[in-house]
Amino acid sequence: MKQLHICLHCSYAKQVWLAMSNWTSGAIHILAVQDEGVEDWWNRSLALLPVAQKRSVAAILMYTCWNLWKERNRRVFDQKCLQPHEVVQLIKEEVNLRRVACGTPMVF
């Protein structure tokens, strides 16, 4: 459950998710229940989306969680930290690299 807190519930993560929601015009919206597991949260986040949108949203969910985890590690192991907007910029860069590498547009 600690990973879910770091990736979804802490105030820092909430700032990043809000920025991602704004960037995707609301396609990303995280309202995770405190006792919900990662798999349940993931499935619920994608369940109601059209098939064409699921891949894009799943990619953004992955890149966002991954970058929040890397930020946690940066703070713990390197004694460095980024502001939420800097983490959001890293996520956007990774999403764009994926889009270019895969040749598929992001569908929001």
PDB file of N, CA and C in Angstrom:
ATOM      1  N   MET A   1       0.805  -1.204   0.000  1.00  0.00           N
ATOM      2  CA  MET A   1       0.000   0.000   0.000  1.00  0.00           C
ATOM      3  C   MET A   1       0.850   1.271   0.000  1.00  0.00           C
ATOM      4  N   LYS A   2       2.110   1.146   0.469  1.00  0.00           N
ATOM      5  CA  LYS A   2       2.963   2.322   0.489  1.00  0.00           C
ATOM      6  C   LYS A   2       3.186   2.869  -0.917  1.00  0.00           C
ATOM      7  N   GLN A   3       3.350   1.932  -1.898  1.00  0.00           N
ATOM      8  CA  GLN A   3       3.553   2.372  -3.274  1.00  0.00           C
ATOM      9  C   GLN A   3       2.340   3.146  -3.775  1.00  0.00           C
ATOM     10  N   LEU A   4       1.147   2.702  -3.404  1.00  0.00           N
ATOM     11  CA  LEU A   4      -0.061   3.399  -3.832  1.00  0.00           C
ATOM     12  C   LEU A   4      -0.104   4.795  -3.227  1.00  0.00           C
ATOM     13  N   HIS A   5       0.321   4.921  -1.982  1.00  0.00           N
ATOM     14  CA  HIS A   5       0.358   6.245  -1.362  1.00  0.00           C
ATOM     15  C   HIS A   5       1.325   7.153  -2.116  1.00  0.00           C
ATOM     16  N   ILE A   6       2.524   6.650  -2.380  1.00  0.00           N
ATOM     17  CA  ILE A   6       3.536   7.457  -3.064  1.00  0.00           C
ATOM     18  C   ILE A   6       3.067   7.843  -4.461  1.00  0.00           C
ATOM     19  N   CYS A   7       2.398   6.933  -5.143  1.00  0.00           N
ATOM     20  CA  CYS A   7       1.993   7.182  -6.527  1.00  0.00           C
ATOM     21  C   CYS A   7       0.658   7.899  -6.676  1.00  0.00           C
ATOM     22  N   LEU A   8      -0.172   7.890  -5.635  1.00  0.00           N
ATOM     23  CA  LEU A   8      -1.501   8.477  -5.795  1.00  0.00           C
ATOM     24  C   LEU A   8      -1.945   9.421  -4.684  1.00  0.00           C
ATOM     25  N   HIS A   9      -1.671   9.076  -3.450  1.00  0.00           N
ATOM     26  CA  HIS A   9      -2.330   9.756  -2.339  1.00  0.00           C
ATOM     27  C   HIS A   9      -1.562  10.907  -1.699  1.00  0.00           C
ATOM     28  N   CYS A  10      -0.246  10.930  -1.810  1.00  0.00           N
ATOM     29  CA  CYS A  10       0.479  12.014  -1.148  1.00  0.00           C
ATOM     30  C   CYS A  10       0.206  13.330  -1.885  1.00  0.00           C
ATOM     31  N   SER A  11       0.371  14.428  -1.184  1.00  0.00           N
ATOM     32  CA  SER A  11       0.028  15.733  -1.765  1.00  0.00           C
ATOM     33  C   SER A  11       0.884  16.049  -2.989  1.00  0.00           C
ATOM     34  N   TYR A  12       2.128  15.629  -2.993  1.00  0.00           N
ATOM     35  CA  TYR A  12       3.004  15.836  -4.146  1.00  0.00           C
ATOM     36  C   TYR A  12       2.450  15.112  -5.371  1.00  0.00           C
ATOM     37  N   ALA A  13       2.112  13.827  -5.190  1.00  0.00           N
ATOM     38  CA  ALA A  13       1.574  13.031  -6.293  1.00  0.00           C
ATOM     39  C   ALA A  13       0.270  13.630  -6.805  1.00  0.00           C
ATOM     40  N   LYS A  14      -0.555  14.112  -5.921  1.00  0.00           N
ATOM     41  CA  LYS A  14      -1.835  14.707  -6.331  1.00  0.00           C
ATOM     42  C   LYS A  14      -1.614  15.920  -7.227  1.00  0.00           C
ATOM     43  N   GLN A  15      -0.560  16.698  -6.947  1.00  0.00           N
ATOM     44  CA  GLN A  15      -0.249  17.845  -7.807  1.00  0.00           C
ATOM     45  C   GLN A  15       0.143  17.382  -9.209  1.00  0.00           C
ATOM     46  N   VAL A  16       0.930  16.329  -9.267  1.00  0.00           N
ATOM     47  CA  VAL A  16       1.358  15.792 -10.565  1.00  0.00           C
ATOM     48  C   VAL A  16       0.150  15.247 -11.325  1.00  0.00           C
ATOM     49  N   TRP A  17      -0.714  14.474 -10.641  1.00  0.00           N
ATOM     50  CA  TRP A  17      -1.897  13.915 -11.303  1.00  0.00           C
ATOM     51  C   TRP A  17      -2.844  15.013 -11.782  1.00  0.00           C
ATOM     52  N   LEU A  18      -2.988  16.068 -11.015  1.00  0.00           N
ATOM     53  CA  LEU A  18      -3.841  17.174 -11.455  1.00  0.00           C
ATOM     54  C   LEU A  18      -3.289  17.794 -12.738  1.00  0.00           C
ATOM     55  N   ALA A  19      -1.984  17.982 -12.796  1.00  0.00           N
ATOM     56  CA  ALA A  19      -1.370  18.529 -14.010  1.00  0.00           C
ATOM     57  C   ALA A  19      -1.567  17.585 -15.192  1.00  0.00           C
ATOM     58  N   MET A  20      -1.451  16.282 -14.952  1.00  0.00           N
ATOM     59  CA  MET A  20      -1.651  15.318 -16.031  1.00  0.00           C
ATOM     60  C   MET A  20      -3.112  15.325 -16.489  1.00  0.00           C
ATOM     61  N   SER A  21      -4.021  15.470 -15.560  1.00  0.00           N
ATOM     62  CA  SER A  21      -5.437  15.562 -15.917  1.00  0.00           C
ATOM     63  C   SER A  21      -5.684  16.791 -16.790  1.00  0.00           C
ATOM     64  N   ASN A  22      -5.090  17.902 -16.415  1.00  0.00           N
ATOM     65  CA  ASN A  22      -5.236  19.125 -17.216  1.00  0.00           C
ATOM     66  C   ASN A  22      -4.629  18.946 -18.599  1.00  0.00           C
ATOM     67  N   TRP A  23      -3.460  18.321 -18.671  1.00  0.00           N
ATOM     68  CA  TRP A  23      -2.780  18.123 -19.948  1.00  0.00           C
ATOM     69  C   TRP A  23      -3.586  17.227 -20.883  1.00  0.00           C
ATOM     70  N   THR A  24      -4.301  16.257 -20.322  1.00  0.00           N
ATOM     71  CA  THR A  24      -5.076  15.319 -21.133  1.00  0.00           C
ATOM     72  C   THR A  24      -6.542  15.720 -21.241  1.00  0.00           C
ATOM     73  N   SER A  25      -6.856  16.933 -20.887  1.00  0.00           N
ATOM     74  CA  SER A  25      -8.240  17.436 -20.930  1.00  0.00           C
ATOM     75  C   SER A  25      -9.197  16.526 -20.167  1.00  0.00           C
ATOM     76  N   GLY A  26      -8.727  16.023 -19.026  1.00  0.00           N
ATOM     77  CA  GLY A  26      -9.582  15.223 -18.155  1.00  0.00           C
ATOM     78  C   GLY A  26      -9.603  13.733 -18.443  1.00  0.00           C
ATOM     79  N   ALA A  27      -8.841  13.264 -19.437  1.00  0.00           N
ATOM     80  CA  ALA A  27      -8.816  11.824 -19.722  1.00  0.00           C
ATOM     81  C   ALA A  27      -8.195  11.053 -18.554  1.00  0.00           C
ATOM     82  N   ILE A  28      -7.285  11.701 -17.862  1.00  0.00           N
ATOM     83  CA  ILE A  28      -6.688  11.123 -16.659  1.00  0.00           C
ATOM     84  C   ILE A  28      -7.393  11.745 -15.468  1.00  0.00           C
ATOM     85  N   HIS A  29      -8.018  10.908 -14.688  1.00  0.00           N
ATOM     86  CA  HIS A  29      -8.627  11.404 -13.439  1.00  0.00           C
ATOM     87  C   HIS A  29      -8.448  10.334 -12.378  1.00  0.00           C
ATOM     88  N   ILE A  30      -7.739  10.704 -11.349  1.00  0.00           N
ATOM     89  CA  ILE A  30      -7.387   9.748 -10.309  1.00  0.00           C
ATOM     90  C   ILE A  30      -8.114  10.111  -9.025  1.00  0.00           C
ATOM     91  N   LEU A  31      -9.036   9.283  -8.673  1.00  0.00           N
ATOM     92  CA  LEU A  31      -9.735   9.410  -7.393  1.00  0.00           C
ATOM     93  C   LEU A  31      -9.680   8.051  -6.716  1.00  0.00           C
ATOM     94  N   ALA A  32      -8.490   7.638  -6.375  1.00  0.00           N
ATOM     95  CA  ALA A  32      -8.293   6.301  -5.810  1.00  0.00           C
ATOM     96  C   ALA A  32      -8.803   6.240  -4.376  1.00  0.00           C
ATOM     97  N   VAL A  33      -9.420   5.143  -4.063  1.00  0.00           N
ATOM     98  CA  VAL A  33      -9.895   4.880  -2.716  1.00  0.00           C
ATOM     99  C   VAL A  33      -8.692   4.476  -1.875  1.00  0.00           C
ATOM    100  N   GLN A  34      -8.632   4.929  -0.625  1.00  0.00           N
ATOM    101  CA  GLN A  34      -7.471   4.698   0.222  1.00  0.00           C
ATOM    102  C   GLN A  34      -7.097   3.222   0.360  1.00  0.00           C
ATOM    103  N   ASP A  35      -8.054   2.329   0.467  1.00  0.00           N
ATOM    104  CA  ASP A  35      -7.725   0.922   0.690  1.00  0.00           C
ATOM    105  C   ASP A  35      -7.763   0.094  -0.597  1.00  0.00           C
ATOM    106  N   GLU A  36      -7.833   0.751  -1.721  1.00  0.00           N
ATOM    107  CA  GLU A  36      -7.865   0.070  -3.012  1.00  0.00           C
ATOM    108  C   GLU A  36      -6.462  -0.390  -3.406  1.00  0.00           C
ATOM    109  N   GLY A  37      -6.352  -1.573  -3.971  1.00  0.00           N
ATOM    110  CA  GLY A  37      -5.071  -2.073  -4.444  1.00  0.00           C
ATOM    111  C   GLY A  37      -4.718  -1.497  -5.801  1.00  0.00           C
ATOM    112  N   VAL A  38      -3.471  -1.634  -6.180  1.00  0.00           N
ATOM    113  CA  VAL A  38      -2.987  -1.089  -7.449  1.00  0.00           C
ATOM    114  C   VAL A  38      -3.737  -1.696  -8.631  1.00  0.00           C
ATOM    115  N   GLU A  39      -3.920  -3.009  -8.615  1.00  0.00           N
ATOM    116  CA  GLU A  39      -4.607  -3.660  -9.730  1.00  0.00           C
ATOM    117  C   GLU A  39      -6.050  -3.178  -9.859  1.00  0.00           C
ATOM    118  N   ASP A  40      -6.741  -3.041  -8.742  1.00  0.00           N
ATOM    119  CA  ASP A  40      -8.124  -2.547  -8.773  1.00  0.00           C
ATOM    120  C   ASP A  40      -8.173  -1.115  -9.290  1.00  0.00           C
ATOM    121  N   TRP A  41      -7.241  -0.272  -8.807  1.00  0.00           N
ATOM    122  CA  TRP A  41      -7.184   1.112  -9.268  1.00  0.00           C
ATOM    123  C   TRP A  41      -6.940   1.152 -10.771  1.00  0.00           C
ATOM    124  N   TRP A  42      -5.979   0.359 -11.242  1.00  0.00           N
ATOM    125  CA  TRP A  42      -5.633   0.324 -12.667  1.00  0.00           C
ATOM    126  C   TRP A  42      -6.847  -0.085 -13.502  1.00  0.00           C
ATOM    127  N   ASN A  43      -7.477  -1.196 -13.130  1.00  0.00           N
ATOM    128  CA  ASN A  43      -8.632  -1.697 -13.887  1.00  0.00           C
ATOM    129  C   ASN A  43      -9.775  -0.697 -13.894  1.00  0.00           C
ATOM    130  N   ARG A  44     -10.035  -0.078 -12.774  1.00  0.00           N
ATOM    131  CA  ARG A  44     -11.115   0.906 -12.696  1.00  0.00           C
ATOM    132  C   ARG A  44     -10.803   2.128 -13.552  1.00  0.00           C
ATOM    133  N   SER A  45      -9.536   2.532 -13.580  1.00  0.00           N
ATOM    134  CA  SER A  45      -9.139   3.712 -14.354  1.00  0.00           C
ATOM    135  C   SER A  45      -9.342   3.526 -15.851  1.00  0.00           C
ATOM    136  N   LEU A  46      -9.244   2.274 -16.318  1.00  0.00           N
ATOM    137  CA  LEU A  46      -9.338   2.001 -17.750  1.00  0.00           C
ATOM    138  C   LEU A  46     -10.684   1.411 -18.176  1.00  0.00           C
ATOM    139  N   ALA A  47     -11.468   0.963 -17.233  1.00  0.00           N
ATOM    140  CA  ALA A  47     -12.669   0.171 -17.530  1.00  0.00           C
ATOM    141  C   ALA A  47     -13.657   0.845 -18.475  1.00  0.00           C
ATOM    142  N   LEU A  48     -13.936   2.092 -18.298  1.00  0.00           N
ATOM    143  CA  LEU A  48     -15.000   2.745 -19.064  1.00  0.00           C
ATOM    144  C   LEU A  48     -14.513   3.473 -20.319  1.00  0.00           C
ATOM    145  N   LEU A  49     -13.237   3.341 -20.612  1.00  0.00           N
ATOM    146  CA  LEU A  49     -12.687   4.052 -21.771  1.00  0.00           C
ATOM    147  C   LEU A  49     -12.917   3.278 -23.060  1.00  0.00           C
ATOM    148  N   PRO A  50     -13.088   3.993 -24.172  1.00  0.00           N
ATOM    149  CA  PRO A  50     -13.134   3.320 -25.467  1.00  0.00           C
ATOM    150  C   PRO A  50     -11.790   2.638 -25.732  1.00  0.00           C
ATOM    151  N   VAL A  51     -11.805   1.581 -26.517  1.00  0.00           N
ATOM    152  CA  VAL A  51     -10.600   0.791 -26.787  1.00  0.00           C
ATOM    153  C   VAL A  51      -9.467   1.669 -27.316  1.00  0.00           C
ATOM    154  N   ALA A  52      -9.764   2.565 -28.223  1.00  0.00           N
ATOM    155  CA  ALA A  52      -8.725   3.410 -28.823  1.00  0.00           C
ATOM    156  C   ALA A  52      -8.045   4.296 -27.780  1.00  0.00           C
ATOM    157  N   GLN A  53      -8.748   4.645 -26.736  1.00  0.00           N
ATOM    158  CA  GLN A  53      -8.203   5.536 -25.716  1.00  0.00           C
ATOM    159  C   GLN A  53      -7.455   4.781 -24.612  1.00  0.00           C
ATOM    160  N   LYS A  54      -7.755   3.514 -24.424  1.00  0.00           N
ATOM    161  CA  LYS A  54      -7.154   2.743 -23.329  1.00  0.00           C
ATOM    162  C   LYS A  54      -5.633   2.706 -23.404  1.00  0.00           C
ATOM    163  N   ARG A  55      -5.080   2.497 -24.589  1.00  0.00           N
ATOM    164  CA  ARG A  55      -3.614   2.407 -24.719  1.00  0.00           C
ATOM    165  C   ARG A  55      -2.943   3.716 -24.334  1.00  0.00           C
ATOM    166  N   SER A  56      -3.505   4.819 -24.786  1.00  0.00           N
ATOM    167  CA  SER A  56      -2.924   6.127 -24.462  1.00  0.00           C
ATOM    168  C   SER A  56      -2.998   6.402 -22.973  1.00  0.00           C
ATOM    169  N   VAL A  57      -4.143   6.166 -22.394  1.00  0.00           N
ATOM    170  CA  VAL A  57      -4.317   6.428 -20.964  1.00  0.00           C
ATOM    171  C   VAL A  57      -3.448   5.480 -20.148  1.00  0.00           C
ATOM    172  N   ALA A  58      -3.379   4.214 -20.534  1.00  0.00           N
ATOM    173  CA  ALA A  58      -2.533   3.253 -19.822  1.00  0.00           C
ATOM    174  C   ALA A  58      -1.070   3.699 -19.866  1.00  0.00           C
ATOM    175  N   ALA A  59      -0.621   4.189 -21.006  1.00  0.00           N
ATOM    176  CA  ALA A  59       0.764   4.659 -21.124  1.00  0.00           C
ATOM    177  C   ALA A  59       1.007   5.838 -20.184  1.00  0.00           C
ATOM    178  N   ILE A  60       0.075   6.753 -20.130  1.00  0.00           N
ATOM    179  CA  ILE A  60       0.246   7.921 -19.261  1.00  0.00           C
ATOM    180  C   ILE A  60       0.205   7.506 -17.791  1.00  0.00           C
ATOM    181  N   LEU A  61      -0.665   6.571 -17.449  1.00  0.00           N
ATOM    182  CA  LEU A  61      -0.698   6.069 -16.074  1.00  0.00           C
ATOM    183  C   LEU A  61       0.656   5.462 -15.705  1.00  0.00           C
ATOM    184  N   MET A  62       1.210   4.653 -16.609  1.00  0.00           N
ATOM    185  CA  MET A  62       2.507   4.013 -16.344  1.00  0.00           C
ATOM    186  C   MET A  62       3.623   5.039 -16.198  1.00  0.00           C
ATOM    187  N   TYR A  63       3.703   5.963 -17.141  1.00  0.00           N
ATOM    188  CA  TYR A  63       4.779   6.952 -17.091  1.00  0.00           C
ATOM    189  C   TYR A  63       4.649   7.855 -15.864  1.00  0.00           C
ATOM    190  N   THR A  64       3.428   8.159 -15.472  1.00  0.00           N
ATOM    191  CA  THR A  64       3.229   9.005 -14.295  1.00  0.00           C
ATOM    192  C   THR A  64       3.645   8.267 -13.031  1.00  0.00           C
ATOM    193  N   CYS A  65       3.175   7.047 -12.856  1.00  0.00           N
ATOM    194  CA  CYS A  65       3.581   6.264 -11.681  1.00  0.00           C
ATOM    195  C   CYS A  65       5.087   6.057 -11.654  1.00  0.00           C
ATOM    196  N   TRP A  66       5.659   5.717 -12.788  1.00  0.00           N
ATOM    197  CA  TRP A  66       7.094   5.462 -12.869  1.00  0.00           C
ATOM    198  C   TRP A  66       7.889   6.705 -12.481  1.00  0.00           C
ATOM    199  N   ASN A  67       7.481   7.862 -12.979  1.00  0.00           N
ATOM    200  CA  ASN A  67       8.214   9.087 -12.669  1.00  0.00           C
ATOM    201  C   ASN A  67       8.007   9.534 -11.230  1.00  0.00           C
ATOM    202  N   LEU A  68       6.858   9.264 -10.669  1.00  0.00           N
ATOM    203  CA  LEU A  68       6.662   9.545  -9.241  1.00  0.00           C
ATOM    204  C   LEU A  68       7.549   8.634  -8.401  1.00  0.00           C
ATOM    205  N   TRP A  69       7.670   7.378  -8.794  1.00  0.00           N
ATOM    206  CA  TRP A  69       8.552   6.449  -8.077  1.00  0.00           C
ATOM    207  C   TRP A  69      10.011   6.886  -8.206  1.00  0.00           C
ATOM    208  N   LYS A  70      10.411   7.309  -9.413  1.00  0.00           N
ATOM    209  CA  LYS A  70      11.783   7.777  -9.602  1.00  0.00           C
ATOM    210  C   LYS A  70      12.050   9.036  -8.771  1.00  0.00           C
ATOM    211  N   GLU A  71      11.037   9.894  -8.632  1.00  0.00           N
ATOM    212  CA  GLU A  71      11.203  11.085  -7.796  1.00  0.00           C
ATOM    213  C   GLU A  71      11.389  10.688  -6.341  1.00  0.00           C
ATOM    214  N   ARG A  72      10.647   9.694  -5.899  1.00  0.00           N
ATOM    215  CA  ARG A  72      10.808   9.180  -4.534  1.00  0.00           C
ATOM    216  C   ARG A  72      12.235   8.687  -4.338  1.00  0.00           C
ATOM    217  N   ASN A  73      12.739   7.922  -5.303  1.00  0.00           N
ATOM    218  CA  ASN A  73      14.106   7.406  -5.209  1.00  0.00           C
ATOM    219  C   ASN A  73      15.144   8.520  -5.268  1.00  0.00           C
ATOM    220  N   ARG A  74      14.907   9.530  -6.075  1.00  0.00           N
ATOM    221  CA  ARG A  74      15.821  10.670  -6.164  1.00  0.00           C
ATOM    222  C   ARG A  74      15.940  11.334  -4.789  1.00  0.00           C
ATOM    223  N   ARG A  75      14.823  11.473  -4.105  1.00  0.00           N
ATOM    224  CA  ARG A  75      14.826  12.101  -2.787  1.00  0.00           C
ATOM    225  C   ARG A  75      15.500  11.225  -1.738  1.00  0.00           C
ATOM    226  N   VAL A  76      15.203   9.934  -1.764  1.00  0.00           N
ATOM    227  CA  VAL A  76      15.731   9.025  -0.746  1.00  0.00           C
ATOM    228  C   VAL A  76      17.212   8.747  -0.955  1.00  0.00           C
ATOM    229  N   PHE A  77      17.615   8.470  -2.185  1.00  0.00           N
ATOM    230  CA  PHE A  77      18.975   8.005  -2.434  1.00  0.00           C
ATOM    231  C   PHE A  77      19.947   9.092  -2.886  1.00  0.00           C
ATOM    232  N   ASP A  78      19.441  10.137  -3.523  1.00  0.00           N
ATOM    233  CA  ASP A  78      20.320  11.178  -4.042  1.00  0.00           C
ATOM    234  C   ASP A  78      20.219  12.493  -3.273  1.00  0.00           C
ATOM    235  N   GLN A  79      19.275  12.576  -2.347  1.00  0.00           N
ATOM    236  CA  GLN A  79      19.021  13.805  -1.583  1.00  0.00           C
ATOM    237  C   GLN A  79      18.785  15.008  -2.508  1.00  0.00           C
ATOM    238  N   LYS A  80      18.088  14.748  -3.606  1.00  0.00           N
ATOM    239  CA  LYS A  80      17.710  15.782  -4.567  1.00  0.00           C
ATOM    240  C   LYS A  80      16.212  15.699  -4.768  1.00  0.00           C
ATOM    241  N   CYS A  81      15.629  16.790  -5.220  1.00  0.00           N
ATOM    242  CA  CYS A  81      14.195  16.733  -5.499  1.00  0.00           C
ATOM    243  C   CYS A  81      13.833  17.694  -6.622  1.00  0.00           C
ATOM    244  N   LEU A  82      12.799  17.304  -7.346  1.00  0.00           N
ATOM    245  CA  LEU A  82      12.245  18.126  -8.414  1.00  0.00           C
ATOM    246  C   LEU A  82      10.898  18.672  -7.966  1.00  0.00           C
ATOM    247  N   GLN A  83      10.519  19.777  -8.519  1.00  0.00           N
ATOM    248  CA  GLN A  83       9.187  20.328  -8.295  1.00  0.00           C
ATOM    249  C   GLN A  83       8.182  19.519  -9.118  1.00  0.00           C
ATOM    250  N   PRO A  84       6.915  19.504  -8.712  1.00  0.00           N
ATOM    251  CA  PRO A  84       5.924  18.731  -9.470  1.00  0.00           C
ATOM    252  C   PRO A  84       5.892  19.069 -10.963  1.00  0.00           C
ATOM    253  N   HIS A  85       5.999  20.346 -11.308  1.00  0.00           N
ATOM    254  CA  HIS A  85       5.959  20.708 -12.735  1.00  0.00           C
ATOM    255  C   HIS A  85       7.153  20.142 -13.494  1.00  0.00           C
ATOM    256  N   GLU A  86       8.284  19.932 -12.820  1.00  0.00           N
ATOM    257  CA  GLU A  86       9.445  19.338 -13.476  1.00  0.00           C
ATOM    258  C   GLU A  86       9.219  17.846 -13.740  1.00  0.00           C
ATOM    259  N   VAL A  87       8.578  17.169 -12.803  1.00  0.00           N
ATOM    260  CA  VAL A  87       8.243  15.751 -13.006  1.00  0.00           C
ATOM    261  C   VAL A  87       7.232  15.624 -14.142  1.00  0.00           C
ATOM    262  N   VAL A  88       6.259  16.525 -14.183  1.00  0.00           N
ATOM    263  CA  VAL A  88       5.271  16.516 -15.266  1.00  0.00           C
ATOM    264  C   VAL A  88       5.975  16.691 -16.611  1.00  0.00           C
ATOM    265  N   GLN A  89       6.950  17.557 -16.671  1.00  0.00           N
ATOM    266  CA  GLN A  89       7.688  17.756 -17.925  1.00  0.00           C
ATOM    267  C   GLN A  89       8.416  16.478 -18.344  1.00  0.00           C
ATOM    268  N   LEU A  90       9.004  15.768 -17.383  1.00  0.00           N
ATOM    269  CA  LEU A  90       9.661  14.497 -17.695  1.00  0.00           C
ATOM    270  C   LEU A  90       8.659  13.479 -18.233  1.00  0.00           C
ATOM    271  N   ILE A  91       7.478  13.438 -17.646  1.00  0.00           N
ATOM    272  CA  ILE A  91       6.429  12.517 -18.100  1.00  0.00           C
ATOM    273  C   ILE A  91       6.036  12.858 -19.535  1.00  0.00           C
ATOM    274  N   LYS A  92       5.814  14.120 -19.800  1.00  0.00           N
ATOM    275  CA  LYS A  92       5.427  14.541 -21.149  1.00  0.00           C
ATOM    276  C   LYS A  92       6.495  14.170 -22.170  1.00  0.00           C
ATOM    277  N   GLU A  93       7.763  14.335 -21.802  1.00  0.00           N
ATOM    278  CA  GLU A  93       8.851  13.978 -22.708  1.00  0.00           C
ATOM    279  C   GLU A  93       8.853  12.479 -23.001  1.00  0.00           C
ATOM    280  N   GLU A  94       8.645  11.662 -21.975  1.00  0.00           N
ATOM    281  CA  GLU A  94       8.622  10.210 -22.176  1.00  0.00           C
ATOM    282  C   GLU A  94       7.419   9.785 -23.006  1.00  0.00           C
ATOM    283  N   VAL A  95       6.287  10.401 -22.766  1.00  0.00           N
ATOM    284  CA  VAL A  95       5.090  10.087 -23.547  1.00  0.00           C
ATOM    285  C   VAL A  95       5.323  10.450 -25.006  1.00  0.00           C
ATOM    286  N   ASN A  96       5.949  11.587 -25.250  1.00  0.00           N
ATOM    287  CA  ASN A  96       6.222  11.995 -26.627  1.00  0.00           C
ATOM    288  C   ASN A  96       7.225  11.052 -27.297  1.00  0.00           C
ATOM    289  N   LEU A  97       8.253  10.629 -26.563  1.00  0.00           N
ATOM    290  CA  LEU A  97       9.204   9.667 -27.127  1.00  0.00           C
ATOM    291  C   LEU A  97       8.503   8.368 -27.510  1.00  0.00           C
ATOM    292  N   ARG A  98       7.588   7.922 -26.666  1.00  0.00           N
ATOM    293  CA  ARG A  98       6.823   6.704 -26.964  1.00  0.00           C
ATOM    294  C   ARG A  98       5.990   6.904 -28.224  1.00  0.00           C
ATOM    295  N   ARG A  99       5.349   8.050 -28.320  1.00  0.00           N
ATOM    296  CA  ARG A  99       4.503   8.344 -29.482  1.00  0.00           C
ATOM    297  C   ARG A  99       5.327   8.306 -30.757  1.00  0.00           C
ATOM    298  N   VAL A 100       6.489   8.926 -30.736  1.00  0.00           N
ATOM    299  CA  VAL A 100       7.356   8.963 -31.917  1.00  0.00           C
ATOM    300  C   VAL A 100       7.886   7.560 -32.238  1.00  0.00           C
ATOM    301  N   ALA A 101       8.335   6.834 -31.219  1.00  0.00           N
ATOM    302  CA  ALA A 101       8.909   5.502 -31.430  1.00  0.00           C
ATOM    303  C   ALA A 101       7.872   4.513 -31.959  1.00  0.00           C
ATOM    304  N   CYS A 102       6.661   4.610 -31.458  1.00  0.00           N
ATOM    305  CA  CYS A 102       5.615   3.660 -31.852  1.00  0.00           C
ATOM    306  C   CYS A 102       4.838   4.126 -33.070  1.00  0.00           C
ATOM    307  N   GLY A 103       4.974   5.402 -33.421  1.00  0.00           N
ATOM    308  CA  GLY A 103       4.277   5.930 -34.583  1.00  0.00           C
ATOM    309  C   GLY A 103       2.771   6.007 -34.395  1.00  0.00           C
ATOM    310  N   THR A 104       2.340   6.090 -33.144  1.00  0.00           N
ATOM    311  CA  THR A 104       0.907   6.164 -32.885  1.00  0.00           C
ATOM    312  C   THR A 104       0.576   7.446 -32.146  1.00  0.00           C
ATOM    313  N   PRO A 105      -0.521   8.066 -32.498  1.00  0.00           N
ATOM    314  CA  PRO A 105      -0.906   9.285 -31.790  1.00  0.00           C
ATOM    315  C   PRO A 105      -1.449   8.954 -30.394  1.00  0.00           C
ATOM    316  N   MET A 106      -1.320   9.881 -29.490  1.00  0.00           N
ATOM    317  CA  MET A 106      -1.937   9.722 -28.174  1.00  0.00           C
ATOM    318  C   MET A 106      -3.398  10.148 -28.343  1.00  0.00           C
ATOM    319  N   VAL A 107      -4.295   9.335 -27.849  1.00  0.00           N
ATOM    320  CA  VAL A 107      -5.725   9.600 -27.993  1.00  0.00           C
ATOM    321  C   VAL A 107      -6.281   9.987 -26.637  1.00  0.00           C
ATOM    322  N   PHE A 108      -6.743  11.216 -26.531  1.00  0.00           N
ATOM    323  CA  PHE A 108      -7.343  11.680 -25.265  1.00  0.00           C
ATOM    324  C   PHE A 108      -8.805  11.942 -25.472  1.00  0.00           C
TER     325      PHE A 108
END
